[in-house]
Protein backbone atom coordinates (compact mmCIF):
# COMPACT_ATOMS: atom_id res chain seq x y z
CA UNK A 1 59.10 -29.42 -4.57
CA UNK A 2 56.57 -29.99 -7.60
CA UNK A 3 53.62 -29.63 -5.21
CA UNK A 4 55.08 -26.41 -3.65
CA UNK A 5 55.66 -24.98 -7.18
CA UNK A 6 51.99 -25.25 -7.92
CA UNK A 7 50.44 -24.39 -4.76
CA UNK A 8 51.99 -20.79 -4.86
CA UNK A 9 50.70 -19.68 -8.28
CA UNK A 10 47.23 -21.33 -7.16
CA UNK A 11 47.44 -19.13 -4.08
CA UNK A 12 48.13 -15.95 -5.90
CA UNK A 13 45.45 -16.70 -8.32
CA UNK A 14 42.97 -16.93 -5.66
CA UNK A 15 44.08 -13.84 -3.69
CA UNK A 16 43.73 -11.82 -7.37
CA UNK A 17 40.20 -13.27 -8.31
CA UNK A 18 39.27 -12.45 -4.63
CA UNK A 19 40.41 -8.84 -5.24
CA UNK A 20 38.99 -8.64 -8.45
CA UNK A 21 35.67 -9.96 -7.02
CA UNK A 22 35.59 -7.24 -4.62
CA UNK A 23 36.37 -4.83 -7.20
CA UNK A 24 33.45 -5.96 -9.13
CA UNK A 25 31.09 -5.67 -6.12
CA UNK A 26 32.06 -2.27 -5.38
CA UNK A 27 31.65 -1.12 -9.22
CA UNK A 28 27.94 -2.64 -8.70
CA UNK A 29 27.45 -0.94 -5.74
CA UNK A 30 28.18 2.19 -7.24
CA UNK A 31 26.27 1.64 -10.31
CA UNK A 32 23.36 0.33 -8.46
CA UNK A 33 23.55 3.21 -5.77
CA UNK A 34 23.67 0.78 -2.89
CA UNK A 35 23.36 2.29 0.82
CA UNK A 36 26.41 2.92 2.82
CA UNK A 37 24.58 1.73 5.56
CA UNK A 38 23.28 -2.03 6.61
CA UNK A 39 21.21 -3.71 4.42
CA UNK A 40 22.07 -2.79 1.01
CA UNK A 41 21.13 -4.54 -2.06
CA UNK A 42 22.77 -7.70 -1.41
CA UNK A 43 20.75 -8.21 1.84
CA UNK A 44 17.99 -10.30 1.85
CA UNK A 45 16.46 -8.83 4.97
CA UNK A 46 16.40 -5.44 3.95
CA UNK A 47 16.89 -4.24 0.22
CA UNK A 48 16.87 -0.94 -0.88
CA UNK A 49 14.18 0.93 -2.28
CA UNK A 50 15.24 2.71 -5.45
CA UNK A 51 13.34 5.42 -7.82
CA UNK A 52 12.35 4.17 -11.23
CA UNK A 53 13.85 6.40 -14.16
CA UNK A 54 10.50 7.46 -15.25
CA UNK A 55 9.82 8.73 -11.45
CA UNK A 56 13.10 10.35 -11.16
CA UNK A 57 12.44 12.46 -14.29
CA UNK A 58 8.66 13.55 -13.33
CA UNK A 59 10.02 14.42 -9.86
CA UNK A 60 12.81 16.41 -11.47
CA UNK A 61 10.60 17.97 -13.94
CA UNK A 62 8.34 19.79 -11.28
CA UNK A 63 10.63 22.34 -9.55
CA UNK A 64 7.32 24.60 -8.72
CA UNK A 65 5.08 22.86 -6.30
CA UNK A 66 1.64 21.80 -8.06
CA UNK A 67 -1.55 23.73 -7.31
CA UNK A 68 -3.04 21.31 -5.03
CA UNK A 69 -4.44 21.36 -1.47
CA UNK A 70 -1.86 21.54 0.94
CA UNK A 71 -1.60 21.93 4.71
CA UNK A 72 -2.62 25.72 4.92
CA UNK A 73 -5.07 25.05 2.03
CA UNK A 74 -6.96 21.94 2.68
CA UNK A 75 -10.06 21.23 1.05
CA UNK A 76 -13.10 19.36 1.82
CA UNK A 77 -13.15 15.82 0.49
CA UNK A 78 -15.96 14.71 -2.03
CA UNK A 79 -19.18 12.97 -0.86
CA UNK A 80 -18.06 9.63 0.70
CA UNK A 81 -18.91 6.46 -1.58
CA UNK A 82 -19.40 3.38 -0.10
CA UNK A 83 -17.25 0.39 -1.22
CA UNK A 84 -16.75 -3.16 0.04
CA UNK A 85 -14.98 -3.54 3.33
CA UNK A 86 -17.15 -0.52 4.96
CA UNK A 87 -19.60 -1.30 7.60
CA UNK A 88 -23.04 0.51 7.87
CA UNK A 89 -25.86 1.02 10.41
CA UNK A 90 -29.32 1.29 8.83
CA UNK A 91 -31.91 1.93 11.48
CA UNK A 92 -35.44 3.91 11.66
CA UNK A 93 -35.43 7.33 12.99
CA UNK A 94 -38.25 6.94 14.85
CA UNK A 95 -37.76 4.15 17.74
CA UNK A 96 -41.43 3.58 17.59
CA UNK A 97 -41.34 2.59 13.68
CA UNK A 98 -42.45 -1.25 13.05
CA UNK A 99 -39.28 -1.53 11.01
CA UNK A 100 -36.55 -3.86 12.48
CA UNK A 101 -33.36 -3.98 10.70
CA UNK A 102 -30.21 -5.99 11.56
CA UNK A 103 -27.48 -4.31 13.39
CA UNK A 104 -24.18 -3.16 11.80
CA UNK A 105 -23.97 -4.43 8.30
CA UNK A 106 -20.62 -4.89 6.29
CA UNK A 107 -20.66 -4.19 2.98
CA UNK A 108 -19.78 -7.41 0.96
CA UNK A 109 -17.64 -8.18 -1.87
CA UNK A 110 -20.95 -7.86 -4.13
CA UNK A 111 -21.70 -4.43 -3.30
CA UNK A 112 -24.75 -5.44 -0.91
CA UNK A 113 -26.00 -5.39 2.51
CA UNK A 114 -28.24 -7.81 4.16
CA UNK A 115 -31.21 -6.52 5.76
CA UNK A 116 -33.05 -9.38 6.99
CA UNK A 117 -36.47 -9.86 5.89
CA UNK A 118 -36.11 -7.15 3.40
CA UNK A 119 -33.42 -8.96 1.42
CA UNK A 120 -30.38 -7.48 -0.27
CA UNK A 121 -29.64 -3.88 -1.07
CA UNK A 122 -26.87 -2.70 -3.61
CA UNK A 123 -25.21 0.09 -1.97
CA UNK A 124 -21.51 0.15 -3.50
CA UNK A 125 -20.59 3.14 -5.23
CA UNK A 126 -23.34 5.11 -3.61
CA UNK A 127 -23.44 8.10 -1.17
CA UNK A 128 -25.19 7.77 2.13
CA UNK A 129 -28.28 9.99 1.20
CA UNK A 130 -28.64 7.33 -1.91
CA UNK A 131 -28.32 4.38 0.42
CA UNK A 132 -31.07 5.96 2.59
CA UNK A 133 -33.29 6.23 -0.47
CA UNK A 134 -32.73 2.98 -1.65
CA UNK A 135 -33.51 1.22 1.73
CA UNK A 136 -36.39 3.31 1.89
CA UNK A 137 -37.88 1.98 -1.12
CA UNK A 138 -37.24 -1.55 -0.10
CA UNK A 139 -38.71 -0.97 3.17
CA UNK A 140 -41.66 0.72 2.27
CA UNK A 141 -42.76 -1.76 -0.28
CA UNK A 142 -43.27 -4.21 2.51
CA UNK A 143 -44.12 -2.15 5.72
CA UNK A 144 -46.42 0.47 6.17
CA UNK A 145 -45.44 3.92 8.08
CA UNK A 146 -41.94 3.10 8.44
CA UNK A 147 -40.99 6.53 8.85
CA UNK A 148 -37.70 7.85 8.13
CA UNK A 149 -34.51 5.37 7.60
CA UNK A 150 -31.14 6.93 8.48
CA UNK A 151 -27.81 5.17 7.53
CA UNK A 152 -24.48 5.67 9.08
CA UNK A 153 -20.94 4.89 8.21
CA UNK A 154 -19.59 2.84 11.01
CA UNK A 155 -16.11 1.71 9.67
CA UNK A 156 -14.49 3.67 6.56
CA UNK A 157 -11.98 0.84 5.66
CA UNK A 158 -12.09 1.34 1.97
CA UNK A 159 -10.77 4.89 1.70
CA UNK A 160 -6.99 4.13 2.51
CA UNK A 161 -3.59 5.72 1.46
CA UNK A 162 -0.11 3.93 1.38
CA UNK A 163 3.32 4.72 2.73
CA UNK A 164 6.05 2.79 1.32
CA UNK A 165 9.94 2.42 1.40
CA UNK A 166 12.34 3.86 4.30
CA UNK A 167 9.72 4.08 6.83
CA UNK A 168 9.44 2.15 10.12
CA UNK A 169 5.91 0.89 9.89
CA UNK A 170 5.07 0.89 5.81
CA UNK A 171 1.51 -0.07 5.02
CA UNK A 172 -1.82 0.90 4.15
CA UNK A 173 -3.56 3.69 6.59
CA UNK A 174 -7.21 4.58 6.70
CA UNK A 175 -7.86 8.08 5.84
CA UNK A 176 -9.75 10.45 7.85
CA UNK A 177 -9.57 13.28 5.43
CA UNK A 178 -7.29 15.84 7.17
CA UNK A 179 -4.07 14.29 6.64
CA UNK A 180 -1.08 15.85 5.03
CA UNK A 181 2.20 14.36 3.84
CA UNK A 182 3.44 15.05 7.46
CA UNK A 183 0.65 13.31 8.91
CA UNK A 184 1.04 10.18 6.72
CA UNK A 185 4.87 9.78 7.47
CA UNK A 186 4.45 10.07 11.13
CA UNK A 187 1.66 7.48 10.98
CA UNK A 188 4.07 5.01 9.32
CA UNK A 189 6.35 5.43 12.28
CA UNK A 190 8.71 8.41 10.59
CA UNK A 191 11.67 7.72 8.32
CA UNK A 192 14.37 5.33 8.92
CA UNK A 193 17.86 6.15 9.13
CA UNK A 194 18.46 4.96 5.56
CA UNK A 195 15.81 7.30 3.86
CA UNK A 196 16.67 9.53 1.20
CA UNK A 197 15.04 12.63 2.82
CA UNK A 198 15.49 14.89 -0.55
CA UNK A 199 13.90 12.30 -2.66
CA UNK A 200 10.43 11.46 -1.13
CA UNK A 201 7.54 11.58 -3.74
CA UNK A 202 3.78 11.37 -3.56
CA UNK A 203 2.41 9.96 -6.44
CA UNK A 204 -1.57 10.00 -7.03
CA UNK A 205 -3.37 7.16 -8.96
CA UNK A 206 -4.51 7.97 -12.44
CA UNK A 207 -6.33 5.85 -15.18
CA UNK A 208 -3.83 3.85 -17.24
CA UNK A 209 -4.23 5.97 -20.27
CA UNK A 210 -3.91 9.16 -18.51
CA UNK A 211 -1.08 11.66 -17.41
CA UNK A 212 1.01 10.41 -14.21
CA UNK A 213 0.87 12.75 -11.21
CA UNK A 214 4.01 12.59 -9.17
CA UNK A 215 4.74 15.37 -6.63
CA UNK A 216 8.09 15.89 -5.15
CA UNK A 217 8.32 16.11 -1.21
CA UNK A 218 10.87 18.25 0.35
CA UNK A 219 11.03 16.92 3.72
CA UNK A 220 13.92 18.93 5.16
CA UNK A 221 12.09 22.16 4.37
CA UNK A 222 8.90 20.60 5.83
CA UNK A 223 9.92 19.69 9.28
CA UNK A 224 12.89 22.20 9.55
CA UNK A 225 11.58 25.55 7.88
CA UNK A 226 7.72 25.00 8.25
CA UNK A 227 7.56 25.26 4.35
CA UNK A 228 4.00 23.80 3.62
CA UNK A 229 4.70 24.07 0.08
CA UNK A 230 5.15 20.33 -0.59
CA UNK A 231 3.21 19.51 2.35
CA UNK A 232 0.21 18.09 0.36
CA UNK A 233 -3.14 16.96 1.59
CA UNK A 234 -3.67 13.24 1.09
CA UNK A 235 -6.56 11.77 -0.97
CA UNK A 236 -7.51 8.40 -1.10
CA UNK A 237 -5.23 5.95 -2.90
CA UNK A 238 -2.24 8.22 -2.63
CA UNK A 239 1.11 6.43 -2.26
CA UNK A 240 4.06 8.13 -0.65
CA UNK A 241 7.22 6.63 -1.65
CA UNK A 242 10.54 7.13 0.52
CA UNK A 243 13.55 5.83 -1.54
CA UNK A 244 16.86 4.66 0.15
CA UNK A 245 19.75 6.84 0.57
CA UNK A 246 22.45 5.78 -1.94
CA UNK A 247 26.33 5.99 -1.47
CA UNK A 248 26.52 8.72 -4.17
CA UNK A 249 24.14 10.56 -1.87
CA UNK A 250 26.50 10.14 0.98
CA UNK A 251 29.34 11.20 -1.24
CA UNK A 252 27.87 14.39 -2.66
CA UNK A 253 26.29 15.60 0.56
CA UNK A 254 23.85 17.72 -1.70
CA UNK A 255 20.40 17.88 -1.51
CA UNK A 256 18.73 16.86 -5.06
CA UNK A 257 15.15 18.04 -4.17
CA UNK A 258 13.68 20.05 -7.26
CA UNK A 259 12.13 22.68 -4.82
CA UNK A 260 15.36 23.00 -3.12
CA UNK A 261 16.19 25.08 -6.58
CA UNK A 262 13.27 27.42 -6.56
CA UNK A 263 14.17 30.52 -4.82
CA UNK A 264 13.14 31.02 -1.14
CA UNK A 265 11.26 34.30 -0.19
CA UNK A 266 12.96 36.02 2.65
CA UNK A 267 10.54 36.80 5.53
CA UNK A 268 10.94 40.60 6.65
CA UNK A 269 13.18 40.95 9.67
CA UNK A 270 10.92 42.32 12.47
CA UNK A 271 11.73 45.44 14.28
CA UNK A 272 13.96 44.73 17.32
CA UNK A 273 11.95 44.75 20.55
CA UNK A 274 13.31 47.31 23.01
CA UNK A 275 15.38 45.44 25.68
CA UNK A 276 14.35 45.74 29.39
CA UNK A 277 17.07 48.55 30.08
CA UNK A 278 15.45 50.91 27.79
CA UNK A 279 11.99 50.34 28.75
CA UNK A 280 10.88 53.01 31.12
CA UNK A 281 7.67 53.75 32.37
CA UNK A 282 5.99 57.01 31.83
CA UNK A 283 7.21 59.47 34.58
CA UNK A 284 10.16 57.53 35.59
CA UNK A 285 13.60 58.65 35.54
CA UNK A 286 15.29 58.02 31.96
CA UNK A 287 18.17 55.71 31.77
CA UNK A 288 20.94 58.32 31.38
CA UNK A 289 19.95 59.97 34.76
CA UNK A 290 20.18 56.46 36.40
CA UNK A 291 22.55 56.48 39.42
CA UNK A 292 22.73 59.24 42.35
CA UNK A 293 20.28 61.93 41.91
CA UNK A 294 20.46 65.54 43.37
CA UNK A 295 17.96 66.39 45.80
CA UNK A 296 14.82 67.73 44.12
CA UNK A 297 14.10 71.43 44.36
CA UNK A 298 11.46 72.49 46.81
């Protein structure tokens, strides 16, 4: 009897504690903005990706797309500068030249390449033209009539951009110079079903003491309306960040993309094309006289 009297209050207390823990977890979920799908903030396998408060503020403070190159206004990239990780091919232009250089030369961590008996040449931070001049001067010091030395960049591994967050294959991707935001996201395998499509940002690296560059990306407008205003051209070092969709986003069902608030310019409605029933070749019977016709007069 005594044990029964004690067991009942303990059972009710355990149930109440469980309900309280559930309410606390739900409140924490709402506060943290967890996703309604699998892999919320309590999952060890697929954590959510949330924007920093500073990133949110900068994204919301730019309702007008920035005046930077985009899909229909692409710019030529600046001259390529070699960095460690790249692979060069230096060779004489004349096949009968007495100069014999090694094959593909990877740029080492110290910024140099090995040219066999000609020693090491520092190439990091230089353009192809500058590297050709540097190698030419080293070769001419040891070999007469060396002729023209050409340099070609075989592998451009040092120039990359990053796609992070709710994409199927996040990581670093080699930059060819023509990519836009759309190209970058598709290269990363596209968005996941947990992606907040109206909160994607493109941030451009800047010096520690300079202003930050955070550009909002309106994914739905790019893929559904063909709007190129935020389909920016990618440059080396760019970071595309796709945050996770939160429970609040699912409840609101309203886009929060800054460019969604800017006025859309309506396209003029083209004149309706004549239907095939009204297209009449010259000299043919007009439509109002179709049907049985009286015999033609002689």
